[in-house]
Amino acid sequence: MASEAFPSGLSQSKMLELLGDTRALKEAFEAGDLPAVAAMLQSTLHSLENVRLDIGVTGGTGSGKSTFVNAIRGLGDEDPTSACTGVVEMTMAPTPYLHPKYPNVIIWDLPGIGAPAFQADKYVQRVLLDRYDFLLLLTSESFTANHARLAREILQQGKRFYCVRSKVDVDIAASRSRRPSSFSEERVLSQIRDDCVQRLEAEGLKDPKVFLLSMFELGKYDFDLLEEAMVRGLESHKRHAFLMALPNVSKPTLERKAASLRKHIWLVATVACGANPSPVPGVPEVACDLFLLTHSLEGYRHSLGLDQHSLIRLAGHTGQPLHKILEALHDPKTKVTEALVAERLGQASGDASAFSQELLNVPILGPLAACGLSFATVYRMLRTSLDMAVRDAENVLLQAFPDNPDPDCKLLGEPDQGPQGGDLSGTGAGGGQTRSAGSTGTTAALEGGGGIRVW
């Protein structure tokens, strides 16, 4: 039973990874001093929620840069805060676009690299390369010497990049039209990938990785592979931020988000029970911070696209009636209240005693569980609520895209709320067809604003 509730990844080393392995914190854990532990973790929780992530997107004219900037934020090209798109170069200077839900996640639309006299060294100075956590290099045709020059310059400065071949849906449609009897989508994709890799290798890049994407079917083709590579390449404290900001376009994306949120449940439970605890109305044996837990459950809904605004927007994107989307929800409440949290804590407290015994077998959590039932009750409530939200999010995807034969590859929907390493010569996927809507993007001040919810 314990193994089901607590996966092997929930080890002391993993749990302390985000905290800084301080002696005082270890001693407080081992002593079961919940108030002391919670006080130390409050600053950690705050820093995790406010981590900043900067992503640069560049490529040639017409490569789909701006469309990718919009799609990765879960927006269409006609949204008031979308990046300008068009068939000519629209971006003259690095332009920041804040994520609509997580303004600390900033996608930068960078000037194009298509000029014949392109100079990579001057370009990286112009766009302030040090600013970005990683970059995406897009092309809608073949990669050129300019892409390779920029890639080498990025590598030289110790940054990561991902090569993206966009608009593969256009190539597939054209091939199907020209050769309907012998058409093979797999063969077309293989030919595109091989051509991209060969051209980059011819320019001196070693073992380049290329990801194939369509911006109007973001969850198809190589998006999941690209997402996995980008997550793997980020430092641990930025992975969560990135995952939460990704649009919910596929079941693997939802699963990665859920896994990241689960890793932080113990942290939220510790702070909720140790920092500002008060007896829960109707559940006097449990004392915790109801305000924090209410925002935790609300954060799950935002992360997974289950808040009211997200569901309304998804219905608009897909043409599905809102009431049909809502029918997919096991829990139709789109607003989380303290009364709802208290009710769920009451449900979780029923078997919290047995659950507390499970916690005793988990490294580092055992001493905290021994302090009483509050921690076990809160932990169980958070875990159960997250599992319910994930199931609802999966059902919403299936309801929103009933005609999609592959439930793991969804069309562009609503923005949602992301291992060290990664191949520096590897690259990403993205791009997409260019639409002609011309809205100006958000260039608001980059300091401050909302943060990434761990809860």
Protein backbone atom coordinates (compact mmCIF):
# COMPACT_ATOMS: atom_id res chain seq x y z
CA MET A 1 0.00 0.00 0.00
CA ALA A 2 2.75 2.42 0.87
CA SER A 3 4.45 1.81 -2.42
CA GLU A 4 1.30 2.85 -4.27
CA ALA A 5 0.88 6.06 -2.32
CA PHE A 6 4.53 7.00 -2.38
CA PRO A 7 6.50 6.20 -5.53
CA SER A 8 10.16 5.37 -5.33
CA GLY A 9 11.05 8.91 -6.43
CA LEU A 10 9.84 10.22 -3.06
CA SER A 11 13.18 9.77 -1.32
CA GLN A 12 15.00 12.00 1.12
CA SER A 13 17.59 13.02 -1.47
CA LYS A 14 14.89 13.91 -4.03
CA MET A 15 12.79 15.78 -1.50
CA LEU A 16 15.71 17.87 -0.27
CA GLU A 17 16.92 18.58 -3.81
CA LEU A 18 14.90 21.79 -4.04
CA LEU A 19 15.63 22.93 -0.52
CA GLY A 20 19.36 23.13 -0.20
CA ASP A 21 20.69 20.30 1.89
CA THR A 22 21.10 22.29 5.09
CA ARG A 23 21.99 20.72 8.41
CA ALA A 24 19.40 22.75 10.32
CA LEU A 25 16.62 21.56 8.04
CA LYS A 26 17.72 17.93 8.35
CA GLU A 27 17.84 18.20 12.11
CA ALA A 28 14.37 19.73 12.23
CA PHE A 29 13.00 16.93 10.04
CA GLU A 30 14.62 14.24 12.13
CA ALA A 31 13.31 15.81 15.33
CA GLY A 32 9.80 15.98 13.92
CA ASP A 33 9.72 19.72 14.66
CA LEU A 34 6.95 20.64 12.23
CA PRO A 35 6.78 24.39 13.05
CA ALA A 36 10.55 24.76 12.59
CA VAL A 37 10.49 22.82 9.32
CA ALA A 38 7.53 24.83 8.03
CA ALA A 39 9.21 28.12 8.85
CA MET A 40 12.28 27.09 6.85
CA LEU A 41 10.19 25.86 3.94
CA GLN A 42 8.05 28.97 3.54
CA SER A 43 10.84 30.83 1.76
CA THR A 44 11.47 27.79 -0.42
CA LEU A 45 7.80 27.67 -1.39
CA HIS A 46 7.84 31.37 -2.20
CA SER A 47 10.95 31.10 -4.37
CA LEU A 48 9.55 28.12 -6.28
CA GLU A 49 6.35 30.02 -7.00
CA ASN A 50 8.23 33.06 -8.32
CA VAL A 51 10.93 31.44 -10.43
CA ARG A 52 11.49 33.21 -13.74
CA LEU A 53 11.91 31.46 -17.08
CA ASP A 54 12.98 33.15 -20.33
CA ILE A 55 12.66 31.28 -23.64
CA GLY A 56 13.97 32.69 -26.94
CA VAL A 57 12.37 31.79 -30.28
CA THR A 58 14.16 32.61 -33.54
CA GLY A 59 14.33 31.52 -37.17
CA GLY A 60 13.99 32.74 -40.71
CA THR A 61 11.19 34.86 -42.15
CA GLY A 62 7.96 32.87 -42.41
CA SER A 63 9.24 30.05 -40.19
CA GLY A 64 6.33 30.40 -37.77
CA LYS A 65 8.22 32.08 -34.91
CA SER A 66 5.38 34.31 -33.81
CA THR A 67 2.78 31.61 -34.28
CA PHE A 68 4.86 29.33 -32.06
CA VAL A 69 5.11 32.09 -29.43
CA ASN A 70 1.32 32.28 -29.43
CA ALA A 71 0.72 28.53 -29.51
CA ILE A 72 3.10 27.72 -26.64
CA ARG A 73 1.15 30.26 -24.57
CA GLY A 74 -2.13 28.66 -25.58
CA LEU A 75 -3.26 31.63 -27.67
CA GLY A 76 -4.54 32.03 -31.21
CA ASP A 77 -3.05 34.60 -33.57
CA GLU A 78 -6.07 36.90 -33.13
CA ASP A 79 -5.90 37.11 -29.35
CA PRO A 80 -5.32 40.72 -28.15
CA THR A 81 -2.06 39.71 -26.46
CA SER A 82 -0.73 37.56 -29.31
CA ALA A 83 2.53 38.12 -31.13
CA CYS A 84 2.11 39.70 -34.58
CA THR A 85 2.25 37.18 -37.41
CA GLY A 86 2.69 37.59 -41.15
CA VAL A 87 4.52 36.48 -44.25
CA VAL A 88 7.20 39.14 -43.82
CA GLU A 89 9.52 39.62 -40.87
CA MET A 90 7.44 41.25 -38.13
CA THR A 91 9.99 41.31 -35.30
CA MET A 92 12.68 43.98 -35.42
CA ALA A 93 13.87 43.68 -31.80
CA PRO A 94 13.58 41.03 -29.05
CA THR A 95 9.95 41.25 -27.95
CA PRO A 96 8.77 39.68 -24.67
CA TYR A 97 5.38 37.99 -24.36
CA LEU A 98 4.24 37.08 -20.87
CA HIS A 99 2.37 33.84 -20.31
CA PRO A 100 -1.30 34.74 -19.67
CA LYS A 101 -1.45 32.68 -16.48
CA TYR A 102 2.18 32.74 -15.36
CA PRO A 103 3.75 36.12 -16.13
CA ASN A 104 7.11 34.96 -14.76
CA VAL A 105 7.33 32.69 -17.81
CA ILE A 106 8.36 34.91 -20.72
CA ILE A 107 8.55 33.86 -24.37
CA TRP A 108 10.75 36.13 -26.47
CA ASP A 109 10.04 36.60 -30.18
CA LEU A 110 13.50 37.33 -31.60
CA PRO A 111 14.45 39.03 -34.89
CA GLY A 112 14.82 36.73 -37.88
CA ILE A 113 18.12 35.27 -39.06
CA GLY A 114 17.44 35.13 -42.79
CA ALA A 115 19.66 37.98 -44.01
CA PRO A 116 22.44 36.87 -46.43
CA ALA A 117 25.01 38.87 -44.45
CA PHE A 118 23.88 37.35 -41.13
CA GLN A 119 26.61 37.48 -38.46
CA ALA A 120 25.94 35.14 -35.56
CA ASP A 121 28.35 36.81 -33.13
CA LYS A 122 26.71 40.20 -33.57
CA TYR A 123 23.24 38.66 -33.43
CA VAL A 124 23.78 37.05 -30.01
CA GLN A 125 24.97 40.40 -28.68
CA ARG A 126 21.97 42.15 -30.17
CA VAL A 127 19.44 39.76 -28.62
CA LEU A 128 21.31 39.47 -25.28
CA LEU A 129 21.83 35.71 -25.41
CA ASP A 130 22.61 35.42 -21.69
CA ARG A 131 19.01 36.36 -20.96
CA TYR A 132 17.52 33.07 -22.12
CA ASP A 133 17.30 29.72 -20.37
CA PHE A 134 17.18 28.06 -23.81
CA LEU A 135 16.38 28.92 -27.42
CA LEU A 136 14.33 27.38 -30.20
CA LEU A 137 15.64 27.62 -33.79
CA LEU A 138 12.77 27.34 -36.27
CA THR A 139 12.62 26.78 -39.99
CA SER A 140 9.69 25.96 -42.26
CA GLU A 141 11.94 24.63 -45.03
CA SER A 142 15.55 23.46 -44.87
CA PHE A 143 18.00 24.52 -42.21
CA THR A 144 20.59 26.92 -43.57
CA ALA A 145 24.13 28.03 -42.85
CA ASN A 146 22.67 30.85 -40.74
CA HIS A 147 20.97 28.36 -38.43
CA ALA A 148 24.21 26.44 -38.07
CA ARG A 149 26.26 29.58 -37.39
CA LEU A 150 23.85 30.65 -34.69
CA ALA A 151 23.77 27.15 -33.20
CA ARG A 152 27.56 27.10 -32.91
CA GLU A 153 27.55 30.53 -31.28
CA ILE A 154 24.90 29.39 -28.79
CA LEU A 155 26.95 26.29 -27.96
CA GLN A 156 30.06 28.40 -27.53
CA GLN A 157 28.28 30.43 -24.88
CA GLY A 158 27.06 27.36 -23.01
CA LYS A 159 23.38 27.68 -23.84
CA ARG A 160 20.91 25.04 -24.95
CA PHE A 161 18.95 25.14 -28.17
CA TYR A 162 16.38 22.97 -29.93
CA CYS A 163 16.00 22.81 -33.73
CA VAL A 164 12.41 22.88 -34.90
CA ARG A 165 11.12 22.08 -38.39
CA SER A 166 7.73 23.76 -38.56
CA LYS A 167 4.73 23.49 -40.89
CA VAL A 168 5.12 19.76 -41.49
CA ASP A 169 1.34 19.59 -41.84
CA VAL A 170 1.67 21.71 -45.00
CA ASP A 171 4.26 19.32 -46.45
CA ILE A 172 2.11 16.31 -45.60
CA ALA A 173 -0.97 17.82 -47.24
CA ALA A 174 1.01 18.72 -50.37
CA SER A 175 2.50 15.24 -50.65
CA ARG A 176 -0.90 13.61 -50.19
CA SER A 177 -2.34 15.84 -52.93
CA ARG A 178 0.49 15.08 -55.38
CA ARG A 179 0.71 11.33 -54.79
CA PRO A 180 -2.57 10.13 -53.27
CA SER A 181 -2.10 6.49 -54.24
CA SER A 182 1.43 6.09 -52.86
CA PHE A 183 1.21 8.61 -50.01
CA SER A 184 2.82 7.65 -46.69
CA GLU A 185 2.85 10.18 -43.85
CA GLU A 186 5.60 8.28 -42.06
CA ARG A 187 7.80 8.38 -45.17
CA VAL A 188 7.24 12.13 -45.65
CA LEU A 189 8.15 12.87 -42.04
CA SER A 190 11.24 10.68 -42.29
CA GLN A 191 12.37 12.48 -45.46
CA ILE A 192 11.89 15.90 -43.82
CA ARG A 193 13.82 14.86 -40.72
CA ASP A 194 16.67 13.28 -42.69
CA ASP A 195 17.03 16.36 -44.88
CA CYS A 196 17.20 18.67 -41.84
CA VAL A 197 19.76 16.51 -40.06
CA GLN A 198 21.95 16.13 -43.15
CA ARG A 199 22.02 19.87 -43.81
CA LEU A 200 22.96 20.68 -40.22
CA GLU A 201 25.66 18.00 -40.25
CA ALA A 202 27.00 19.41 -43.52
CA GLU A 203 27.40 22.74 -41.70
CA GLY A 204 29.48 21.09 -39.00
CA LEU A 205 26.94 20.37 -36.25
CA LYS A 206 27.52 17.03 -34.54
CA ASP A 207 24.56 14.68 -34.07
CA PRO A 208 21.83 17.34 -34.40
CA LYS A 209 18.34 16.49 -33.22
CA VAL A 210 15.39 17.93 -35.11
CA PHE A 211 11.79 18.04 -33.93
CA LEU A 212 8.89 18.22 -36.39
CA LEU A 213 5.83 20.29 -35.48
CA SER A 214 2.62 21.86 -36.69
CA MET A 215 1.43 24.89 -34.76
CA PHE A 216 -2.22 24.23 -35.56
CA GLU A 217 -1.98 20.64 -34.34
CA LEU A 218 0.50 21.27 -31.57
CA GLY A 219 0.08 17.92 -29.84
CA LYS A 220 0.94 15.93 -32.97
CA TYR A 221 4.24 14.85 -34.45
CA ASP A 222 7.26 15.51 -32.19
CA PHE A 223 5.82 17.89 -29.62
CA ASP A 224 5.95 15.37 -26.77
CA LEU A 225 9.57 14.54 -27.62
CA LEU A 226 10.43 18.23 -27.74
CA GLU A 227 8.66 18.87 -24.45
CA GLU A 228 10.54 16.02 -22.79
CA ALA A 229 13.88 17.31 -24.10
CA MET A 230 13.21 20.87 -22.94
CA VAL A 231 12.16 19.72 -19.47
CA ARG A 232 15.21 17.48 -19.15
CA GLY A 233 17.50 20.36 -20.07
CA LEU A 234 16.25 22.72 -17.37
CA GLU A 235 17.52 23.09 -13.83
CA SER A 236 15.25 21.43 -11.28
CA HIS A 237 13.71 24.63 -9.93
CA LYS A 238 12.72 25.77 -13.45
CA ARG A 239 11.25 22.50 -14.70
CA HIS A 240 8.09 22.95 -12.71
CA ALA A 241 7.60 26.50 -13.99
CA PHE A 242 7.99 25.35 -17.59
CA LEU A 243 5.64 22.41 -17.23
CA MET A 244 2.90 24.47 -15.61
CA ALA A 245 3.05 27.01 -18.44
CA LEU A 246 2.67 24.46 -21.25
CA PRO A 247 -0.68 24.22 -23.02
CA ASN A 248 -2.61 21.02 -22.32
CA VAL A 249 -2.33 19.53 -25.79
CA SER A 250 -1.75 15.86 -24.97
CA LYS A 251 -2.11 13.23 -22.29
CA PRO A 252 1.69 12.99 -21.80
CA THR A 253 1.74 16.73 -21.05
CA LEU A 254 -0.93 16.25 -18.40
CA GLU A 255 0.99 13.33 -16.92
CA ARG A 256 4.20 15.37 -16.66
CA LYS A 257 2.35 18.22 -14.99
CA ALA A 258 0.72 15.86 -12.52
CA ALA A 259 4.04 14.22 -11.67
CA SER A 260 5.62 17.62 -11.00
CA LEU A 261 2.71 18.72 -8.81
CA ARG A 262 2.82 15.45 -6.84
CA LYS A 263 6.49 15.98 -6.01
CA HIS A 264 5.56 19.19 -4.20
CA ILE A 265 2.58 17.91 -2.18
CA TRP A 266 4.71 17.15 0.88
CA LEU A 267 6.13 20.69 0.77
CA VAL A 268 2.69 22.32 0.66
CA ALA A 269 1.36 20.00 3.37
CA THR A 270 4.29 20.79 5.65
CA VAL A 271 3.87 24.56 5.33
CA ALA A 272 0.07 24.32 5.65
CA CYS A 273 0.28 22.34 8.89
CA GLY A 274 3.27 24.03 10.47
CA ALA A 275 3.26 27.72 9.57
CA ASN A 276 -0.19 29.17 10.38
CA PRO A 277 -2.38 26.26 11.48
CA SER A 278 -5.91 26.74 12.80
CA PRO A 279 -8.53 24.10 13.66
CA VAL A 280 -10.61 23.19 10.63
CA PRO A 281 -14.35 23.87 11.06
CA GLY A 282 -16.11 20.54 11.40
CA VAL A 283 -12.80 18.66 11.65
CA PRO A 284 -11.40 19.79 15.02
CA GLU A 285 -8.70 17.12 15.09
CA VAL A 286 -7.04 18.71 12.04
CA ALA A 287 -5.23 22.05 12.21
CA CYS A 288 -3.87 23.68 9.05
CA ASP A 289 -3.82 26.81 6.91
CA LEU A 290 -7.11 26.65 4.99
CA PHE A 291 -6.23 29.70 2.92
CA LEU A 292 -3.07 28.07 1.56
CA LEU A 293 -4.86 24.80 0.83
CA THR A 294 -7.69 26.61 -0.96
CA HIS A 295 -5.15 28.26 -3.23
CA SER A 296 -3.43 24.90 -3.67
CA LEU A 297 -6.55 23.26 -5.05
CA GLU A 298 -7.33 26.34 -7.13
CA GLY A 299 -3.79 26.13 -8.47
CA TYR A 300 -4.34 22.52 -9.57
CA ARG A 301 -7.37 23.64 -11.57
CA HIS A 302 -5.47 26.46 -13.23
CA SER A 303 -2.52 24.21 -14.02
CA LEU A 304 -4.71 21.58 -15.62
CA GLY A 305 -7.07 23.97 -17.44
CA LEU A 306 -10.12 23.30 -15.24
CA ASP A 307 -10.81 26.83 -14.05
CA GLN A 308 -13.86 28.57 -15.48
CA HIS A 309 -11.94 30.89 -17.81
CA SER A 310 -9.95 28.01 -19.27
CA LEU A 311 -13.02 25.86 -19.88
CA ILE A 312 -14.91 28.71 -21.57
CA ARG A 313 -11.92 29.42 -23.74
CA LEU A 314 -11.47 25.75 -24.64
CA ALA A 315 -15.11 25.57 -25.71
CA GLY A 316 -14.52 28.59 -27.95
CA HIS A 317 -11.36 27.08 -29.47
CA THR A 318 -12.96 23.74 -30.26
CA GLY A 319 -16.54 24.74 -31.04
CA GLN A 320 -17.80 22.34 -28.38
CA PRO A 321 -20.76 23.57 -26.29
CA LEU A 322 -19.62 24.54 -22.81
CA HIS A 323 -22.20 22.30 -21.17
CA LYS A 324 -20.68 19.32 -23.01
CA ILE A 325 -17.23 20.22 -21.69
CA LEU A 326 -18.64 20.51 -18.16
CA GLU A 327 -20.31 17.10 -18.48
CA ALA A 328 -16.82 15.57 -18.68
CA LEU A 329 -16.01 16.77 -15.17
CA HIS A 330 -16.38 14.37 -12.26
CA ASP A 331 -16.23 17.44 -10.04
CA PRO A 332 -18.20 20.21 -11.79
CA LYS A 333 -17.21 22.91 -9.27
CA THR A 334 -14.99 25.41 -11.06
CA LYS A 335 -14.46 27.53 -7.94
CA VAL A 336 -12.60 26.24 -4.88
CA THR A 337 -13.72 27.59 -1.50
CA GLU A 338 -12.49 27.09 2.05
CA ALA A 339 -15.76 25.27 2.78
CA LEU A 340 -15.00 22.78 0.00
CA VAL A 341 -11.47 22.26 1.32
CA ALA A 342 -12.80 21.68 4.85
CA GLU A 343 -15.26 19.14 3.47
CA ARG A 344 -12.47 17.26 1.69
CA LEU A 345 -10.29 17.35 4.80
CA GLY A 346 -13.17 15.78 6.72
CA GLN A 347 -13.35 13.00 4.13
CA ALA A 348 -9.60 12.47 4.25
CA SER A 349 -9.47 12.38 8.04
CA GLY A 350 -11.63 9.27 8.18
CA ASP A 351 -8.73 6.94 7.41
CA ALA A 352 -5.89 9.35 8.19
CA SER A 353 -4.77 7.21 11.10
CA ALA A 354 -3.96 4.28 8.82
CA PHE A 355 -2.50 6.65 6.27
CA SER A 356 -0.26 8.14 8.95
CA GLN A 357 1.19 4.68 9.49
CA GLU A 358 2.07 4.55 5.79
CA LEU A 359 3.83 7.88 6.10
CA LEU A 360 5.97 6.55 8.92
CA ASN A 361 7.61 4.19 6.40
CA VAL A 362 8.57 7.02 4.05
CA PRO A 363 12.04 8.55 4.51
CA ILE A 364 11.88 12.09 5.92
CA LEU A 365 8.06 12.18 6.10
CA GLY A 366 7.89 9.69 8.95
CA PRO A 367 8.97 12.11 11.68
CA LEU A 368 6.42 14.66 10.48
CA ALA A 369 3.61 12.10 10.35
CA ALA A 370 4.45 11.13 13.92
CA CYS A 371 3.54 14.68 15.02
CA GLY A 372 -0.16 13.99 14.58
CA LEU A 373 -2.95 13.39 12.09
CA SER A 374 -2.99 16.86 10.55
CA PHE A 375 -0.07 16.30 8.19
CA ALA A 376 -1.35 12.88 7.08
CA THR A 377 -4.86 14.27 6.52
CA VAL A 378 -3.67 17.27 4.51
CA TYR A 379 -1.25 15.17 2.46
CA ARG A 380 -3.96 12.66 1.61
CA MET A 381 -6.47 15.39 0.73
CA LEU A 382 -4.02 17.11 -1.61
CA ARG A 383 -3.06 13.86 -3.30
CA THR A 384 -6.69 12.78 -3.76
CA SER A 385 -7.73 16.21 -5.05
CA LEU A 386 -4.88 16.28 -7.55
CA ASP A 387 -5.72 12.80 -8.81
CA MET A 388 -9.35 13.86 -9.31
CA ALA A 389 -8.27 16.98 -11.18
CA VAL A 390 -5.97 15.00 -13.48
CA ARG A 391 -8.77 12.57 -14.35
CA ASP A 392 -11.08 15.48 -15.10
CA ALA A 393 -8.44 17.13 -17.30
CA GLU A 394 -8.02 13.93 -19.31
CA ASN A 395 -11.79 13.61 -19.71
CA VAL A 396 -12.00 17.22 -20.87
CA LEU A 397 -9.41 16.55 -23.57
CA LEU A 398 -11.38 13.56 -24.81
CA GLN A 399 -14.63 15.55 -24.78
CA ALA A 400 -13.09 18.58 -26.48
CA PHE A 401 -11.59 16.55 -29.33
CA PRO A 402 -14.01 13.64 -29.92
CA ASP A 403 -12.99 13.20 -33.55
CA ASN A 404 -9.28 12.89 -32.84
CA PRO A 405 -8.38 9.21 -33.27
CA ASP A 406 -5.30 9.54 -31.07
CA PRO A 407 -6.17 10.56 -27.49
CA ASP A 408 -2.51 11.26 -26.81
CA CYS A 409 -2.28 13.90 -29.56
CA LYS A 410 -4.66 16.80 -29.09
CA LEU A 411 -5.11 19.94 -31.10
CA LEU A 412 -4.24 23.31 -29.64
CA GLY A 413 -6.50 23.98 -26.70
CA GLU A 414 -6.31 26.17 -23.63
CA PRO A 415 -3.12 27.37 -21.90
CA ASP A 416 -2.30 25.57 -18.69
CA GLN A 417 -0.29 25.93 -16.04
CA GLY A 418 7.63 22.79 -15.92
CA PRO A 419 16.57 15.45 -14.95
CA GLN A 420 19.37 17.55 -15.61
CA GLY A 421 21.26 17.27 -18.84
CA GLY A 422 20.08 17.35 -22.39
CA ASP A 423 22.06 17.38 -25.57
CA LEU A 424 23.38 20.86 -26.30
CA SER A 425 23.44 20.08 -29.99
CA GLY A 426 19.91 18.77 -29.79
CA THR A 427 17.09 20.95 -30.88
CA GLY A 428 13.41 21.40 -30.71
CA ALA A 429 10.24 21.46 -32.58
CA GLY A 430 7.78 24.11 -33.35
CA GLY A 431 6.82 26.44 -36.09
CA GLY A 432 3.52 26.26 -37.81
CA GLN A 433 1.60 27.92 -40.55
CA THR A 434 1.68 31.69 -40.56
CA ARG A 435 -1.63 33.48 -40.17
CA SER A 436 -2.20 37.08 -41.01
CA ALA A 437 -3.80 38.41 -37.85
CA GLY A 438 -1.95 41.43 -36.59
CA SER A 439 -2.41 41.95 -32.87
CA THR A 440 0.20 43.55 -30.73
CA GLY A 441 1.67 41.54 -27.93
CA THR A 442 2.08 42.26 -24.29
CA THR A 443 5.28 44.07 -23.51
CA ALA A 444 4.45 44.93 -19.94
CA ALA A 445 7.10 45.36 -17.30
CA LEU A 446 8.84 42.08 -16.64
CA GLU A 447 9.49 42.53 -12.96
CA GLY A 448 6.89 41.32 -10.50
CA GLY A 449 3.55 39.94 -11.51
CA GLY A 450 2.10 36.55 -10.70
CA GLY A 451 4.17 33.50 -10.05
CA ILE A 452 4.31 29.77 -10.65
CA ARG A 453 2.10 27.82 -8.33
CA VAL A 454 3.66 24.80 -6.70
CA TRP A 455 0.23 24.29 -5.22
